[in-house]
Amino acid sequence: MANNAQQPPYLHLAELTASQFLDIWKHFDTDGNGYIEGKELENFFRELEVARRGAGVDPTNVSFREKMKDFMQKFDKNKDGRIEMSELAQILPTEENFLLCFRQFVGSSSEFMAAWRRYDTDRSGYIEANELKGFLSDLLKKANRHYDDKKLQEYTQTILKMFDLNGDGKLGLSEMARLLPVQENFLLKFQGIKLTAEQFNAIFTYYDKDGNGYIDEQELDALLRDLYEKNKKEVDTKDLTGYKKSIMALSDGGKLYRSELEIVLCREPML
């Protein structure tokens, strides 16, 4: 079927494949910063309305603005005024919703972290692109999803294109965690309090009293509370328990080593 080159691809389809979803994402995220925002967002909503109604819309019209506001209230889960990839997956009719299928089985981010730990064997905060296929295969097995090698290859290539933006063949934990629902992505909670290498070393050394290179869950609790206090953030005990569980999923039998916590709390993992 011929498409007008000026029109965004696939928005009219009843169902999208993973690669078509990615094409739409790239079409609207014109600056490649991982969000559809500002003018990009207005363009996306306008084209979505055109595709669904089969008629032109006027962005200056009051009713258009009202509809866009309602749309954002429904889909902008973290209320930051922009659409991220996980939110777009809720909006568009993606085939088997390939992003959401990874979430339906991940009851919590701690399960995601446990799966990640199997592949990030050197605790660098990255997995190599050639390990991604196995990582995704594990996630799909846990979800009891039936898939063939061709479909797994498509998912792998699509996710690689999404996250390996600099083409270095590595995928970062914080990037892959975007597969999680916003409310489950505990890494987002630490975005505002990321530490420099020097700050991280100082706080880890303080809580690693005996200098053995790791801390336990109780020490992690104290460390996180300390971080929240220093950054003047309210700490919810229930949330904190969830964060601890997720972070401890990276640990080795209850021993959380410096390099593992560093992945979560540092601005850039120290390679």
Foldseek 3Di string as FASTA:
>chain_A
DDDDPPAQPDLLDQEAELVSLLSNVCVLVVVLPQWRADPSLLVVLQSNCCSVVVDHDDSVDPVNVVVSVVVCVVQVVVPPHIGGSLSVLVVGRYDVSVLCLLAVLCPALLVVLLLVLVAVVVLQQKGFLVCQLVSVVVSNVSSVHDDDPVSSVVSSVSLCVSAVVVPPRIGGPLSVLVSYDPVRSCLVVQPVQADAPVVLVVLVCVLVVVPPFWHFLVSVLVSVVVSCVVVVHDDDPVVSVRVSSNLCSNPDVRTGGSSSVNSRRHPHRDD
